[in-house]
Amino acid sequence: MRYFLSFLICVALISMSSCRKDFSTIPSFGSLEFSKDTVFLDTVFTNIGSATYNLKVYNKGKNAITIPKIALENGTSSNYRLNVDGIPGKEFNDIDILAKDSIFVFIETTIDVNNTVNPLYTDRILFDNGTNEQDVDLVTLVQDANFIYPGRDALTMKIDSLTIDGEPTTLKGRFLTDTELTFTNTKPTVIYGYAAVAANKTLTINAGAKVHFHDNSGLIIDDKATLKVNGTLAEKVIFEGDRLENSFSQTPGQWGTIWMRAGSKDNEIYHAQIKNGIIGILIDSIGATSTPTLKLQNTEIYNHSTYGILARETNIEAHNVVIGSAGEASFAATIGGTYNFTHSTFANFWNNGIRQLPAVLINNFFTYQDDSGQDIIETRDLHAANFTNCIFDGNNNIEFVIDKVDGGGIFNYNISNCMIQFNDTSNSFEDNTELDFTNSFYQNIILNGYTNFRNSQNEDFIIGLDSDAINKAKTSTFNVDILGVDRTTNPDIGAYQHITFEE
């Protein structure tokens, strides 16, 4: 017991000494310096919390000081929240800063647009008072939006999960009602969980619409359902995460995917940007060889943490498509299917880790384990993998792979007037006859040419005057590029006609 009492006394003494202010200060005298004069909290949606921003407050004098008061000008009614040197609140008294030292002020906000007169919401952080008062401005733009939330159980308040094919899933979300099956450009649409389109229903997304997904959210186009994305050159449809702050503009993996399930039909995506998800488009639909499950035109898909498009035994018809960086492959055409791409650019310059797959992977099989744990490989027909006037490039040596497993069935492909990055320094594919670029399935191939992208690290794949792709495409029915530039005569390979870069 004696030792225990001694221990308690020691703890008390340590606590008292750690709380003691063992330095003297003078009052603040209006000479604070700040890391910025104005803190812009970027744009937030109504009632969605912002990211946390920081402000550094410096005391560059030779004496320790005490700031009598730090407060928000709008007081307790302010929509901003502060944390000053680890203490949350909206008003703080007697804050010390040592000589030649600094403190952090962290700022967050959540704003209801219905309770603000002006969508540009402002406030000020006031430091000190009277003649010594200094301030830093706070500025946030708040947007109204249409929100789609999963349902909740009325008793337990548990968020509903989707039931698909009569089976419950772990995916939070619900099927859209008939009144929700048109997304307009009047307000952005913000989706929490997975918004699903039911059989025999069509989700139409109008030109200029913006669709934002929360974490672990996306779209599901179910069996016999359809997606129509009707963007235009002047008014693209945007799919991205719901964090609008600039720091999130190039962050992959913020949301899930647009999933076109087996049996979905007549899907069309025109003039869209799909960015910063896990998989841009996951298309599982087994369709007829004569009718595309997805028509994809004049669309950019980039910066996804796994795949730009992951296609599994499906049918895609595409032109003027740009698929950029992804953590695995920009485009994976797997388990056979039918794929026809013209004037498209596949460019994977992923820089968020090591990437194992090429920009484009094509195969005709899938692998699973049977009841005894043995790996089983099954093949499917590759009815067509036709790429005309396309670029395959990236920051790996090999950016185009056809991986065939023998087992009977159809295996058709044709690669014409394409630029291919393929530098097999380790001879890993020397026995792969599908990657013998001299065989008859390849025509007019430019191997390891110079693409001359304007800014590959910023997903800008317009080509310049030094590109080997200039005038090397074959004439097609697609007479304008993704930007609407005429390519009737002397077309370039890829989605873009070349331009002169500004110095």
Foldseek 3Di string as FASTA:
>chain_A
DVVVVVVVVVVVVVVVVVPDDPFDAAAQQQPKDKPDQEDEQEEAEAQDKGDKDKMKIWAQAQAKYWFAKKAKPVGPPDQKWKAKQRRTDGMDGGDIAGHGGITMIIMMGHHHPVPDPAQWDKIWIWIHDDPSIDIGIYTYGYFYAAEFAADADPPPRHFDADQAPNHTDPWGHYEDDPVQQEFEQPHEYEYETEYEHDAPEEREYEFQHEYAYAAAYYYEYGANYEYHYHYDLVGAYEYYHNHRDPVLPQAAARYAEYEYAARQADYEHERYEFERHQEHYEYEYADDQVGARYEYELYEFERHAAEPYEYANGGYAYELYEQEAYQEEPYEAEQAHHYHYEQAEQEHADDPDDYDHANYEYEFWDWDADPVRDIDIDGDANPEAEYFLYEFYYDDQFRYDYDYDDDDHHDYYAYELYEGRHDCPVCPCVVPPVPPCVDPRYYQYHYNFAQQFPDNVVSGRAHEPRGPQWLRGDADPPQAASNRHGQRHSHGRHRHHYDHDDD
